[in-house]
Amino acid sequence: MSSVVSRIPAASSINAIAHFSHLLSLETDCWDTHFAITNNRQDFVLLDVRSPLLFEQGHIPNAINLPHKKISAQTLSEFPADTLFVTYCAGPHCNGADKAALNIAQLGRPVKKLIGGVTGWLDEGFELIQHADNYA
């Protein structure tokens, strides 16, 4: 007797490789982002796409506040065309990071979403910082 887990067969290895490779090209996680930041390997711009008030109350270190509604060719113009942007918002219950990533992609820029957002960051045991001097 099969379980509900195995009742639908797993994808072929070829399909699984394609799926997970594609997924990782669109998303990154809090642990990898934290590692990059704390080891001076940050080769991306981390965008907090929440409101300035929420940003001031606490944000991920090295993040720049750029609310998703304000993303435009003009607001991104200070960054080279090949800059990788990583967007985040409050967490899995918020789609602001998705909206921001879509806006950035529509501008022809490389982008990934930080899965988990602030909630995921805190769940991993990482701290937020509280100051308001990083605005785009």
C-alpha atoms as a PDB file:
ATOM      1  CA  MET A   1       0.000   0.000   0.000  1.00  0.00           C
ATOM      2  CA  SER A   2       1.486   3.344  -1.045  1.00  0.00           C
ATOM      3  CA  SER A   3       1.455   6.548   0.983  1.00  0.00           C
ATOM      4  CA  VAL A   4      -0.043   9.821  -0.164  1.00  0.00           C
ATOM      5  CA  VAL A   5       3.558  10.970  -0.675  1.00  0.00           C
ATOM      6  CA  SER A   6       4.446   8.254  -3.160  1.00  0.00           C
ATOM      7  CA  ARG A   7       1.004   7.753  -4.722  1.00  0.00           C
ATOM      8  CA  ILE A   8       1.939  10.256  -7.435  1.00  0.00           C
ATOM      9  CA  PRO A   9       5.306   9.138  -8.769  1.00  0.00           C
ATOM     10  CA  ALA A  10       8.289  11.471  -8.486  1.00  0.00           C
ATOM     11  CA  ALA A  11       9.367  13.320 -11.602  1.00  0.00           C
ATOM     12  CA  SER A  12      12.144  11.893 -13.714  1.00  0.00           C
ATOM     13  CA  SER A  13      15.639  13.059 -12.844  1.00  0.00           C
ATOM     14  CA  ILE A  14      15.724  15.118 -16.039  1.00  0.00           C
ATOM     15  CA  ASN A  15      12.479  16.902 -15.123  1.00  0.00           C
ATOM     16  CA  ALA A  16      13.588  17.375 -11.513  1.00  0.00           C
ATOM     17  CA  ILE A  17      16.891  18.909 -12.636  1.00  0.00           C
ATOM     18  CA  ALA A  18      15.075  21.293 -14.955  1.00  0.00           C
ATOM     19  CA  HIS A  19      12.532  22.257 -12.285  1.00  0.00           C
ATOM     20  CA  PHE A  20      14.937  22.819  -9.405  1.00  0.00           C
ATOM     21  CA  SER A  21      17.515  24.580 -11.576  1.00  0.00           C
ATOM     22  CA  HIS A  22      14.794  26.933 -12.767  1.00  0.00           C
ATOM     23  CA  LEU A  23      13.550  27.506  -9.212  1.00  0.00           C
ATOM     24  CA  LEU A  24      17.045  28.348  -7.958  1.00  0.00           C
ATOM     25  CA  SER A  25      17.473  30.822 -10.819  1.00  0.00           C
ATOM     26  CA  LEU A  26      14.475  32.752  -9.443  1.00  0.00           C
ATOM     27  CA  GLU A  27      14.982  32.503  -5.680  1.00  0.00           C
ATOM     28  CA  THR A  28      17.601  32.571  -2.983  1.00  0.00           C
ATOM     29  CA  ASP A  29      17.255  31.909   0.720  1.00  0.00           C
ATOM     30  CA  CYS A  30      18.073  33.759   3.911  1.00  0.00           C
ATOM     31  CA  TRP A  31      20.997  31.528   4.823  1.00  0.00           C
ATOM     32  CA  ASP A  32      22.815  32.047   1.504  1.00  0.00           C
ATOM     33  CA  THR A  33      22.097  35.780   1.590  1.00  0.00           C
ATOM     34  CA  HIS A  34      23.380  36.075   5.155  1.00  0.00           C
ATOM     35  CA  PHE A  35      26.518  34.116   4.251  1.00  0.00           C
ATOM     36  CA  ALA A  36      27.228  36.418   1.298  1.00  0.00           C
ATOM     37  CA  ILE A  37      26.725  39.561   3.385  1.00  0.00           C
ATOM     38  CA  THR A  38      28.772  38.444   6.391  1.00  0.00           C
ATOM     39  CA  ASN A  39      31.645  37.094   4.287  1.00  0.00           C
ATOM     40  CA  ASN A  40      32.053  40.165   2.062  1.00  0.00           C
ATOM     41  CA  ARG A  41      30.742  38.229  -0.942  1.00  0.00           C
ATOM     42  CA  GLN A  42      27.675  40.348  -1.638  1.00  0.00           C
ATOM     43  CA  ASP A  43      27.556  40.606  -5.421  1.00  0.00           C
ATOM     44  CA  PHE A  44      23.930  41.743  -5.553  1.00  0.00           C
ATOM     45  CA  VAL A  45      21.782  44.654  -4.427  1.00  0.00           C
ATOM     46  CA  LEU A  46      19.403  43.654  -1.657  1.00  0.00           C
ATOM     47  CA  LEU A  47      16.126  45.564  -1.986  1.00  0.00           C
ATOM     48  CA  ASP A  48      13.710  45.867   0.906  1.00  0.00           C
ATOM     49  CA  VAL A  49      10.518  46.658  -0.985  1.00  0.00           C
ATOM     50  CA  ARG A  50       8.371  47.443   2.058  1.00  0.00           C
ATOM     51  CA  SER A  51       7.368  50.915   3.206  1.00  0.00           C
ATOM     52  CA  PRO A  52       9.983  53.319   4.601  1.00  0.00           C
ATOM     53  CA  LEU A  53       8.309  53.054   8.028  1.00  0.00           C
ATOM     54  CA  LEU A  54       8.691  49.275   8.146  1.00  0.00           C
ATOM     55  CA  PHE A  55      12.248  49.576   6.835  1.00  0.00           C
ATOM     56  CA  GLU A  56      13.098  51.977   9.685  1.00  0.00           C
ATOM     57  CA  GLN A  57      11.613  49.588  12.243  1.00  0.00           C
ATOM     58  CA  GLY A  58      14.008  46.846  11.145  1.00  0.00           C
ATOM     59  CA  HIS A  59      15.608  45.550   7.968  1.00  0.00           C
ATOM     60  CA  ILE A  60      18.244  43.129   6.761  1.00  0.00           C
ATOM     61  CA  PRO A  61      21.798  44.511   6.909  1.00  0.00           C
ATOM     62  CA  ASN A  62      23.050  46.074   3.648  1.00  0.00           C
ATOM     63  CA  ALA A  63      19.512  46.381   2.288  1.00  0.00           C
ATOM     64  CA  ILE A  64      18.321  49.415   0.397  1.00  0.00           C
ATOM     65  CA  ASN A  65      14.728  50.538   0.803  1.00  0.00           C
ATOM     66  CA  LEU A  66      12.894  50.863  -2.495  1.00  0.00           C
ATOM     67  CA  PRO A  67       9.148  50.201  -2.169  1.00  0.00           C
ATOM     68  CA  HIS A  68       7.932  48.024  -5.030  1.00  0.00           C
ATOM     69  CA  LYS A  69       5.596  50.744  -6.326  1.00  0.00           C
ATOM     70  CA  LYS A  70       8.574  53.059  -6.848  1.00  0.00           C
ATOM     71  CA  ILE A  71      10.658  50.666  -8.934  1.00  0.00           C
ATOM     72  CA  SER A  72      11.276  52.149 -12.369  1.00  0.00           C
ATOM     73  CA  ALA A  73      14.015  52.535 -14.946  1.00  0.00           C
ATOM     74  CA  GLN A  74      14.830  55.859 -13.296  1.00  0.00           C
ATOM     75  CA  THR A  75      15.104  54.489  -9.727  1.00  0.00           C
ATOM     76  CA  LEU A  76      17.368  51.669 -10.919  1.00  0.00           C
ATOM     77  CA  SER A  77      19.450  53.842 -13.257  1.00  0.00           C
ATOM     78  CA  GLU A  78      22.294  54.303 -10.767  1.00  0.00           C
ATOM     79  CA  PHE A  79      23.043  50.564 -10.965  1.00  0.00           C
ATOM     80  CA  PRO A  80      24.855  48.917 -13.893  1.00  0.00           C
ATOM     81  CA  ALA A  81      22.587  46.995 -16.280  1.00  0.00           C
ATOM     82  CA  ASP A  82      23.932  43.610 -15.156  1.00  0.00           C
ATOM     83  CA  THR A  83      23.331  44.238 -11.430  1.00  0.00           C
ATOM     84  CA  LEU A  84      21.566  41.342  -9.747  1.00  0.00           C
ATOM     85  CA  PHE A  85      18.736  42.543  -7.526  1.00  0.00           C
ATOM     86  CA  VAL A  86      17.378  40.439  -4.664  1.00  0.00           C
ATOM     87  CA  THR A  87      13.960  41.537  -3.446  1.00  0.00           C
ATOM     88  CA  TYR A  88      12.319  40.880  -0.110  1.00  0.00           C
ATOM     89  CA  CYS A  89       9.289  41.979   1.863  1.00  0.00           C
ATOM     90  CA  ALA A  90       7.647  40.914   5.130  1.00  0.00           C
ATOM     91  CA  GLY A  91       7.538  37.199   4.437  1.00  0.00           C
ATOM     92  CA  PRO A  92       5.665  34.346   2.823  1.00  0.00           C
ATOM     93  CA  HIS A  93       2.324  36.031   3.488  1.00  0.00           C
ATOM     94  CA  CYS A  94       3.333  39.096   1.450  1.00  0.00           C
ATOM     95  CA  ASN A  95       3.677  39.309  -2.335  1.00  0.00           C
ATOM     96  CA  GLY A  96       5.555  42.617  -2.434  1.00  0.00           C
ATOM     97  CA  ALA A  97       8.815  40.846  -3.269  1.00  0.00           C
ATOM     98  CA  ASP A  98       7.104  39.084  -6.183  1.00  0.00           C
ATOM     99  CA  LYS A  99       5.651  42.372  -7.464  1.00  0.00           C
ATOM    100  CA  ALA A 100       9.066  44.019  -7.195  1.00  0.00           C
ATOM    101  CA  ALA A 101      10.809  41.114  -8.927  1.00  0.00           C
ATOM    102  CA  LEU A 102       8.267  41.231 -11.742  1.00  0.00           C
ATOM    103  CA  ASN A 103       8.804  44.992 -12.159  1.00  0.00           C
ATOM    104  CA  ILE A 104      12.565  44.553 -12.241  1.00  0.00           C
ATOM    105  CA  ALA A 105      12.364  41.677 -14.744  1.00  0.00           C
ATOM    106  CA  GLN A 106      10.052  43.745 -16.963  1.00  0.00           C
ATOM    107  CA  LEU A 107      12.802  46.379 -17.016  1.00  0.00           C
ATOM    108  CA  GLY A 108      15.186  43.745 -18.395  1.00  0.00           C
ATOM    109  CA  ARG A 109      17.194  43.464 -15.182  1.00  0.00           C
ATOM    110  CA  PRO A 110      18.389  40.275 -13.437  1.00  0.00           C
ATOM    111  CA  VAL A 111      16.438  39.538 -10.268  1.00  0.00           C
ATOM    112  CA  LYS A 112      15.819  36.918  -7.607  1.00  0.00           C
ATOM    113  CA  LYS A 113      13.437  36.828  -4.676  1.00  0.00           C
ATOM    114  CA  LEU A 114      14.627  36.213  -1.128  1.00  0.00           C
ATOM    115  CA  ILE A 115      12.280  33.485   0.042  1.00  0.00           C
ATOM    116  CA  GLY A 116      10.982  33.988   3.558  1.00  0.00           C
ATOM    117  CA  GLY A 117      11.616  37.723   3.660  1.00  0.00           C
ATOM    118  CA  VAL A 118      11.872  39.312   7.099  1.00  0.00           C
ATOM    119  CA  THR A 119      10.009  36.394   8.685  1.00  0.00           C
ATOM    120  CA  GLY A 120      12.442  33.879   7.219  1.00  0.00           C
ATOM    121  CA  TRP A 121      15.417  36.026   8.232  1.00  0.00           C
ATOM    122  CA  LEU A 122      14.250  36.083  11.845  1.00  0.00           C
ATOM    123  CA  ASP A 123      13.331  32.373  11.769  1.00  0.00           C
ATOM    124  CA  GLU A 124      16.949  31.606  10.844  1.00  0.00           C
ATOM    125  CA  GLY A 125      18.089  33.481  13.956  1.00  0.00           C
ATOM    126  CA  PHE A 126      19.502  36.465  12.085  1.00  0.00           C
ATOM    127  CA  GLU A 127      19.025  40.002  13.354  1.00  0.00           C
ATOM    128  CA  LEU A 128      17.510  43.049  11.734  1.00  0.00           C
ATOM    129  CA  ILE A 129      19.096  46.465  12.001  1.00  0.00           C
ATOM    130  CA  GLN A 130      17.255  49.674  12.722  1.00  0.00           C
ATOM    131  CA  HIS A 131      18.348  52.823  10.980  1.00  0.00           C
ATOM    132  CA  ALA A 132      16.946  54.826   8.140  1.00  0.00           C
ATOM    133  CA  ASP A 133      19.887  55.882   6.028  1.00  0.00           C
ATOM    134  CA  ASN A 134      19.696  53.376   3.167  1.00  0.00           C
ATOM    135  CA  TYR A 135      17.133  54.635   0.692  1.00  0.00           C
ATOM    136  CA  ALA A 136      17.285  54.346  -3.081  1.00  0.00           C
END
